Amino acid sequence: CQRPSLAMQDWLTDSGSLTARLIAQSSGQF
């Protein structure tokens, strides 16, 4: 009941490159 949204949990627990994921999320506007 104290955890963030499932979408935020997905970002918090992803063990891949956050940089690569942010680049994709921003369509390269990073």
PDB file of all heavy atoms in Angstrom:
ATOM      1  N   CYS A   1       0.812  -1.220   0.000  1.00  0.00           N
ATOM      2  CA  CYS A   1       0.000   0.000   0.000  1.00  0.00           C
ATOM      3  C   CYS A   1       0.851   1.278   0.000  1.00  0.00           C
ATOM      4  O   CYS A   1       0.339   2.365  -0.251  1.00  0.00           O
ATOM      5  CB  CYS A   1      -0.958   0.001   1.191  1.00  0.00           C
ATOM      6  SG  CYS A   1      -0.126   0.033   2.792  1.00  0.00           S
ATOM      7  N   GLN A   2       2.156   1.149   0.257  1.00  0.00           N
ATOM      8  CA  GLN A   2       3.038   2.314   0.282  1.00  0.00           C
ATOM      9  C   GLN A   2       3.946   2.388  -0.945  1.00  0.00           C
ATOM     10  O   GLN A   2       4.749   3.309  -1.060  1.00  0.00           O
ATOM     11  CB  GLN A   2       3.890   2.295   1.549  1.00  0.00           C
ATOM     12  CG  GLN A   2       3.071   2.465   2.798  1.00  0.00           C
ATOM     13  CD  GLN A   2       3.923   2.448   4.053  1.00  0.00           C
ATOM     14  OE1 GLN A   2       5.083   2.068   4.044  1.00  0.00           O
ATOM     15  NE2 GLN A   2       3.327   2.871   5.152  1.00  0.00           N
ATOM     16  N   ARG A   3       3.828   1.426  -1.825  1.00  0.00           N
ATOM     17  CA  ARG A   3       4.672   1.409  -3.025  1.00  0.00           C
ATOM     18  C   ARG A   3       4.162   2.409  -4.054  1.00  0.00           C
ATOM     19  O   ARG A   3       2.996   2.784  -4.042  1.00  0.00           O
ATOM     20  CB  ARG A   3       4.683   0.004  -3.638  1.00  0.00           C
ATOM     21  CG  ARG A   3       5.382  -1.009  -2.767  1.00  0.00           C
ATOM     22  CD  ARG A   3       5.392  -2.368  -3.419  1.00  0.00           C
ATOM     23  NE  ARG A   3       5.869  -3.379  -2.470  1.00  0.00           N
ATOM     24  CZ  ARG A   3       5.833  -4.665  -2.702  1.00  0.00           C
ATOM     25  NH1 ARG A   3       5.362  -5.146  -3.849  1.00  0.00           N
ATOM     26  NH2 ARG A   3       6.276  -5.510  -1.780  1.00  0.00           N
ATOM     27  N   PRO A   4       5.042   2.791  -4.980  1.00  0.00           N
ATOM     28  CA  PRO A   4       4.603   3.704  -6.038  1.00  0.00           C
ATOM     29  C   PRO A   4       3.733   2.959  -7.058  1.00  0.00           C
ATOM     30  O   PRO A   4       3.520   1.746  -6.945  1.00  0.00           O
ATOM     31  CB  PRO A   4       5.923   4.155  -6.669  1.00  0.00           C
ATOM     32  CG  PRO A   4       6.841   2.999  -6.455  1.00  0.00           C
ATOM     33  CD  PRO A   4       6.447   2.431  -5.114  1.00  0.00           C
ATOM     34  N   SER A   5       3.303   3.675  -8.074  1.00  0.00           N
ATOM     35  CA  SER A   5       2.504   3.074  -9.149  1.00  0.00           C
ATOM     36  C   SER A   5       3.288   1.931  -9.794  1.00  0.00           C
ATOM     37  O   SER A   5       4.515   1.874  -9.709  1.00  0.00           O
ATOM     38  CB  SER A   5       2.183   4.130 -10.206  1.00  0.00           C
ATOM     39  OG  SER A   5       3.388   4.487 -10.894  1.00  0.00           O
ATOM     40  N   LEU A   6       2.572   1.049 -10.455  1.00  0.00           N
ATOM     41  CA  LEU A   6       3.232  -0.058 -11.155  1.00  0.00           C
ATOM     42  C   LEU A   6       4.188   0.466 -12.225  1.00  0.00           C
ATOM     43  O   LEU A   6       5.263  -0.098 -12.431  1.00  0.00           O
ATOM     44  CB  LEU A   6       2.200  -1.006 -11.766  1.00  0.00           C
ATOM     45  CG  LEU A   6       1.403  -1.830 -10.758  1.00  0.00           C
ATOM     46  CD1 LEU A   6       0.341  -2.664 -11.463  1.00  0.00           C
ATOM     47  CD2 LEU A   6       2.313  -2.720  -9.925  1.00  0.00           C
ATOM     48  N   ALA A   7       3.808   1.549 -12.895  1.00  0.00           N
ATOM     49  CA  ALA A   7       4.688   2.132 -13.918  1.00  0.00           C
ATOM     50  C   ALA A   7       6.001   2.601 -13.288  1.00  0.00           C
ATOM     51  O   ALA A   7       7.080   2.346 -13.821  1.00  0.00           O
ATOM     52  CB  ALA A   7       3.986   3.287 -14.629  1.00  0.00           C
ATOM     53  N   MET A   8       5.919   3.252 -12.124  1.00  0.00           N
ATOM     54  CA  MET A   8       7.138   3.705 -11.449  1.00  0.00           C
ATOM     55  C   MET A   8       7.929   2.515 -10.928  1.00  0.00           C
ATOM     56  O   MET A   8       9.164   2.506 -11.004  1.00  0.00           O
ATOM     57  CB  MET A   8       6.799   4.679 -10.314  1.00  0.00           C
ATOM     58  CG  MET A   8       8.027   5.216  -9.581  1.00  0.00           C
ATOM     59  SD  MET A   8       9.190   6.142 -10.637  1.00  0.00           S
ATOM     60  CE  MET A   8       8.344   7.714 -10.748  1.00  0.00           C
ATOM     61  N   GLN A   9       7.243   1.496 -10.418  1.00  0.00           N
ATOM     62  CA  GLN A   9       7.948   0.298  -9.956  1.00  0.00           C
ATOM     63  C   GLN A   9       8.754  -0.320 -11.092  1.00  0.00           C
ATOM     64  O   GLN A   9       9.871  -0.797 -10.880  1.00  0.00           O
ATOM     65  CB  GLN A   9       6.958  -0.731  -9.395  1.00  0.00           C
ATOM     66  CG  GLN A   9       6.395  -0.357  -8.048  1.00  0.00           C
ATOM     67  CD  GLN A   9       5.454  -1.424  -7.523  1.00  0.00           C
ATOM     68  OE1 GLN A   9       5.793  -2.595  -7.494  1.00  0.00           O
ATOM     69  NE2 GLN A   9       4.264  -1.007  -7.092  1.00  0.00           N
ATOM     70  N   ASP A  10       8.192  -0.314 -12.285  1.00  0.00           N
ATOM     71  CA  ASP A  10       8.894  -0.869 -13.447  1.00  0.00           C
ATOM     72  C   ASP A  10      10.207  -0.121 -13.690  1.00  0.00           C
ATOM     73  O   ASP A  10      11.242  -0.730 -13.946  1.00  0.00           O
ATOM     74  CB  ASP A  10       7.985  -0.802 -14.677  1.00  0.00           C
ATOM     75  CG  ASP A  10       8.647  -1.377 -15.901  1.00  0.00           C
ATOM     76  OD1 ASP A  10       9.040  -2.571 -15.878  1.00  0.00           O
ATOM     77  OD2 ASP A  10       8.781  -0.645 -16.903  1.00  0.00           O
ATOM     78  N   TRP A  11      10.187   1.198 -13.577  1.00  0.00           N
ATOM     79  CA  TRP A  11      11.397   1.997 -13.764  1.00  0.00           C
ATOM     80  C   TRP A  11      12.379   1.793 -12.611  1.00  0.00           C
ATOM     81  O   TRP A  11      13.587   1.733 -12.812  1.00  0.00           O
ATOM     82  CB  TRP A  11      11.049   3.478 -13.920  1.00  0.00           C
ATOM     83  CG  TRP A  11      10.529   3.790 -15.285  1.00  0.00           C
ATOM     84  CD1 TRP A  11       9.245   3.643 -15.730  1.00  0.00           C
ATOM     85  CD2 TRP A  11      11.278   4.260 -16.398  1.00  0.00           C
ATOM     86  NE1 TRP A  11       9.164   4.011 -17.047  1.00  0.00           N
ATOM     87  CE2 TRP A  11      10.387   4.398 -17.485  1.00  0.00           C
ATOM     88  CE3 TRP A  11      12.618   4.588 -16.580  1.00  0.00           C
ATOM     89  CZ2 TRP A  11      10.803   4.851 -18.736  1.00  0.00           C
ATOM     90  CZ3 TRP A  11      13.028   5.049 -17.834  1.00  0.00           C
ATOM     91  CH2 TRP A  11      12.128   5.170 -18.891  1.00  0.00           C
ATOM     92  N   LEU A  12      11.868   1.702 -11.407  1.00  0.00           N
ATOM     93  CA  LEU A  12      12.738   1.549 -10.238  1.00  0.00           C
ATOM     94  C   LEU A  12      13.486   0.217 -10.238  1.00  0.00           C
ATOM     95  O   LEU A  12      14.628   0.147  -9.786  1.00  0.00           O
ATOM     96  CB  LEU A  12      11.918   1.650  -8.940  1.00  0.00           C
ATOM     97  CG  LEU A  12      11.418   3.035  -8.553  1.00  0.00           C
ATOM     98  CD1 LEU A  12      10.372   2.926  -7.454  1.00  0.00           C
ATOM     99  CD2 LEU A  12      12.572   3.930  -8.123  1.00  0.00           C
ATOM    100  N   THR A  13      12.864  -0.815 -10.718  1.00  0.00           N
ATOM    101  CA  THR A  13      13.447  -2.155 -10.605  1.00  0.00           C
ATOM    102  C   THR A  13      14.125  -2.641 -11.883  1.00  0.00           C
ATOM    103  O   THR A  13      14.707  -3.724 -11.890  1.00  0.00           O
ATOM    104  CB  THR A  13      12.377  -3.179 -10.187  1.00  0.00           C
ATOM    105  OG1 THR A  13      11.327  -3.182 -11.173  1.00  0.00           O
ATOM    106  CG2 THR A  13      11.808  -2.845  -8.821  1.00  0.00           C
ATOM    107  N   ASP A  14      14.088  -1.861 -12.940  1.00  0.00           N
ATOM    108  CA  ASP A  14      14.709  -2.271 -14.201  1.00  0.00           C
ATOM    109  C   ASP A  14      16.229  -2.309 -14.043  1.00  0.00           C
ATOM    110  O   ASP A  14      16.847  -1.322 -13.666  1.00  0.00           O
ATOM    111  CB  ASP A  14      14.327  -1.287 -15.304  1.00  0.00           C
ATOM    112  CG  ASP A  14      14.839  -1.688 -16.667  1.00  0.00           C
ATOM    113  OD1 ASP A  14      15.417  -2.791 -16.809  1.00  0.00           O
ATOM    114  OD2 ASP A  14      14.670  -0.902 -17.610  1.00  0.00           O
ATOM    115  N   SER A  15      16.828  -3.458 -14.327  1.00  0.00           N
ATOM    116  CA  SER A  15      18.282  -3.605 -14.132  1.00  0.00           C
ATOM    117  C   SER A  15      19.089  -3.235 -15.372  1.00  0.00           C
ATOM    118  O   SER A  15      20.310  -3.294 -15.350  1.00  0.00           O
ATOM    119  CB  SER A  15      18.614  -5.036 -13.707  1.00  0.00           C
ATOM    120  OG  SER A  15      18.232  -5.931 -14.734  1.00  0.00           O
ATOM    121  N   GLY A  16      18.428  -2.819 -16.426  1.00  0.00           N
ATOM    122  CA  GLY A  16      19.140  -2.389 -17.628  1.00  0.00           C
ATOM    123  C   GLY A  16      19.633  -0.954 -17.492  1.00  0.00           C
ATOM    124  O   GLY A  16      19.592  -0.353 -16.418  1.00  0.00           O
ATOM    125  N   SER A  17      20.075  -0.396 -18.586  1.00  0.00           N
ATOM    126  CA  SER A  17      20.611   0.963 -18.604  1.00  0.00           C
ATOM    127  C   SER A  17      19.480   1.989 -18.528  1.00  0.00           C
ATOM    128  O   SER A  17      18.641   2.070 -19.436  1.00  0.00           O
ATOM    129  CB  SER A  17      21.412   1.186 -19.885  1.00  0.00           C
ATOM    130  OG  SER A  17      21.717   2.559 -20.051  1.00  0.00           O
ATOM    131  N   LEU A  18      19.468   2.768 -17.446  1.00  0.00           N
ATOM    132  CA  LEU A  18      18.475   3.836 -17.320  1.00  0.00           C
ATOM    133  C   LEU A  18      18.697   4.870 -18.426  1.00  0.00           C
ATOM    134  O   LEU A  18      17.742   5.367 -19.006  1.00  0.00           O
ATOM    135  CB  LEU A  18      18.560   4.500 -15.942  1.00  0.00           C
ATOM    136  CG  LEU A  18      17.580   5.657 -15.717  1.00  0.00           C
ATOM    137  CD1 LEU A  18      16.132   5.173 -15.802  1.00  0.00           C
ATOM    138  CD2 LEU A  18      17.842   6.330 -14.388  1.00  0.00           C
ATOM    139  N   THR A  19      19.950   5.163 -18.743  1.00  0.00           N
ATOM    140  CA  THR A  19      20.253   6.125 -19.803  1.00  0.00           C
ATOM    141  C   THR A  19      19.589   5.704 -21.108  1.00  0.00           C
ATOM    142  O   THR A  19      18.900   6.503 -21.750  1.00  0.00           O
ATOM    143  CB  THR A  19      21.779   6.252 -19.997  1.00  0.00           C
ATOM    144  OG1 THR A  19      22.362   6.710 -18.773  1.00  0.00           O
ATOM    145  CG2 THR A  19      22.121   7.221 -21.110  1.00  0.00           C
ATOM    146  N   ALA A  20      19.785   4.457 -21.506  1.00  0.00           N
ATOM    147  CA  ALA A  20      19.210   3.975 -22.765  1.00  0.00           C
ATOM    148  C   ALA A  20      17.687   4.060 -22.730  1.00  0.00           C
ATOM    149  O   ALA A  20      17.045   4.448 -23.716  1.00  0.00           O
ATOM    150  CB  ALA A  20      19.661   2.544 -23.037  1.00  0.00           C
ATOM    151  N   ARG A  21      17.118   3.720 -21.604  1.00  0.00           N
ATOM    152  CA  ARG A  21      15.651   3.745 -21.493  1.00  0.00           C
ATOM    153  C   ARG A  21      15.117   5.183 -21.539  1.00  0.00           C
ATOM    154  O   ARG A  21      14.073   5.441 -22.138  1.00  0.00           O
ATOM    155  CB  ARG A  21      15.244   3.038 -20.205  1.00  0.00           C
ATOM    156  CG  ARG A  21      13.803   2.643 -20.208  1.00  0.00           C
ATOM    157  CD  ARG A  21      13.477   1.634 -19.148  1.00  0.00           C
ATOM    158  NE  ARG A  21      12.034   1.400 -19.180  1.00  0.00           N
ATOM    159  CZ  ARG A  21      11.352   0.890 -18.203  1.00  0.00           C
ATOM    160  NH1 ARG A  21      11.953   0.496 -17.094  1.00  0.00           N
ATOM    161  NH2 ARG A  21      10.039   0.735 -18.301  1.00  0.00           N
ATOM    162  N   LEU A  22      15.826   6.128 -20.903  1.00  0.00           N
ATOM    163  CA  LEU A  22      15.403   7.527 -20.942  1.00  0.00           C
ATOM    164  C   LEU A  22      15.539   8.104 -22.350  1.00  0.00           C
ATOM    165  O   LEU A  22      14.692   8.894 -22.785  1.00  0.00           O
ATOM    166  CB  LEU A  22      16.218   8.361 -19.949  1.00  0.00           C
ATOM    167  CG  LEU A  22      15.930   8.103 -18.470  1.00  0.00           C
ATOM    168  CD1 LEU A  22      16.940   8.848 -17.601  1.00  0.00           C
ATOM    169  CD2 LEU A  22      14.507   8.486 -18.100  1.00  0.00           C
ATOM    170  N   ILE A  23      16.592   7.706 -23.052  1.00  0.00           N
ATOM    171  CA  ILE A  23      16.756   8.163 -24.443  1.00  0.00           C
ATOM    172  C   ILE A  23      15.573   7.686 -25.278  1.00  0.00           C
ATOM    173  O   ILE A  23      14.995   8.441 -26.059  1.00  0.00           O
ATOM    174  CB  ILE A  23      18.106   7.690 -25.012  1.00  0.00           C
ATOM    175  CG1 ILE A  23      19.253   8.448 -24.338  1.00  0.00           C
ATOM    176  CG2 ILE A  23      18.158   7.867 -26.533  1.00  0.00           C
ATOM    177  CD1 ILE A  23      20.645   7.895 -24.614  1.00  0.00           C
ATOM    178  N   ALA A  24      15.193   6.425 -25.108  1.00  0.00           N
ATOM    179  CA  ALA A  24      14.045   5.885 -25.850  1.00  0.00           C
ATOM    180  C   ALA A  24      12.751   6.597 -25.441  1.00  0.00           C
ATOM    181  O   ALA A  24      11.936   6.965 -26.295  1.00  0.00           O
ATOM    182  CB  ALA A  24      13.932   4.386 -25.616  1.00  0.00           C
ATOM    183  N   GLN A  25      12.553   6.818 -24.144  1.00  0.00           N
ATOM    184  CA  GLN A  25      11.333   7.458 -23.641  1.00  0.00           C
ATOM    185  C   GLN A  25      11.191   8.879 -24.162  1.00  0.00           C
ATOM    186  O   GLN A  25      10.085   9.364 -24.358  1.00  0.00           O
ATOM    187  CB  GLN A  25      11.354   7.453 -22.106  1.00  0.00           C
ATOM    188  CG  GLN A  25      10.116   7.995 -21.444  1.00  0.00           C
ATOM    189  CD  GLN A  25       8.974   6.984 -21.387  1.00  0.00           C
ATOM    190  OE1 GLN A  25       9.112   5.840 -21.797  1.00  0.00           O
ATOM    191  NE2 GLN A  25       7.838   7.410 -20.882  1.00  0.00           N
ATOM    192  N   SER A  26      12.326   9.542 -24.393  1.00  0.00           N
ATOM    193  CA  SER A  26      12.299  10.941 -24.851  1.00  0.00           C
ATOM    194  C   SER A  26      12.476  11.057 -26.360  1.00  0.00           C
ATOM    195  O   SER A  26      12.707  12.152 -26.865  1.00  0.00           O
ATOM    196  CB  SER A  26      13.391  11.743 -24.134  1.00  0.00           C
ATOM    197  OG  SER A  26      14.680  11.283 -24.520  1.00  0.00           O
ATOM    198  N   SER A  27      12.410   9.948 -27.071  1.00  0.00           N
ATOM    199  CA  SER A  27      12.627   9.928 -28.528  1.00  0.00           C
ATOM    200  C   SER A  27      13.933  10.618 -28.906  1.00  0.00           C
ATOM    201  O   SER A  27      13.997  11.362 -29.877  1.00  0.00           O
ATOM    202  CB  SER A  27      11.445  10.571 -29.258  1.00  0.00           C
ATOM    203  OG  SER A  27      10.252   9.895 -28.940  1.00  0.00           O
ATOM    204  N   GLY A  28      14.962  10.384 -28.085  1.00  0.00           N
ATOM    205  CA  GLY A  28      16.285  10.936 -28.362  1.00  0.00           C
ATOM    206  C   GLY A  28      16.499  12.353 -27.862  1.00  0.00           C
ATOM    207  O   GLY A  28      17.588  12.897 -27.987  1.00  0.00           O
ATOM    208  N   GLN A  29      15.471  12.965 -27.287  1.00  0.00           N
ATOM    209  CA  GLN A  29      15.595  14.331 -26.756  1.00  0.00           C
ATOM    210  C   GLN A  29      16.112  14.254 -25.325  1.00  0.00           C
ATOM    211  O   GLN A  29      15.399  14.532 -24.363  1.00  0.00           O
ATOM    212  CB  GLN A  29      14.230  15.041 -26.814  1.00  0.00           C
ATOM    213  CG  GLN A  29      13.670  15.186 -28.204  1.00  0.00           C
ATOM    214  CD  GLN A  29      14.571  16.034 -29.083  1.00  0.00           C
ATOM    215  OE1 GLN A  29      14.917  17.161 -28.742  1.00  0.00           O
ATOM    216  NE2 GLN A  29      14.977  15.490 -30.214  1.00  0.00           N
ATOM    217  N   PHE A  30      17.380  13.864 -25.193  1.00  0.00           N
ATOM    218  CA  PHE A  30      17.984  13.566 -23.897  1.00  0.00           C
ATOM    219  C   PHE A  30      19.278  14.341 -23.750  1.00  0.00           C
ATOM    220  O   PHE A  30      20.044  14.479 -24.697  1.00  0.00           O
ATOM    221  CB  PHE A  30      18.275  12.054 -23.828  1.00  0.00           C
ATOM    222  CG  PHE A  30      19.021  11.629 -22.599  1.00  0.00           C
ATOM    223  CD1 PHE A  30      18.352  11.392 -21.410  1.00  0.00           C
ATOM    224  CD2 PHE A  30      20.402  11.454 -22.619  1.00  0.00           C
ATOM    225  CE1 PHE A  30      19.028  10.996 -20.270  1.00  0.00           C
ATOM    226  CE2 PHE A  30      21.096  11.060 -21.489  1.00  0.00           C
ATOM    227  CZ  PHE A  30      20.400  10.826 -20.315  1.00  0.00           C
TER     228      PHE A  30
END
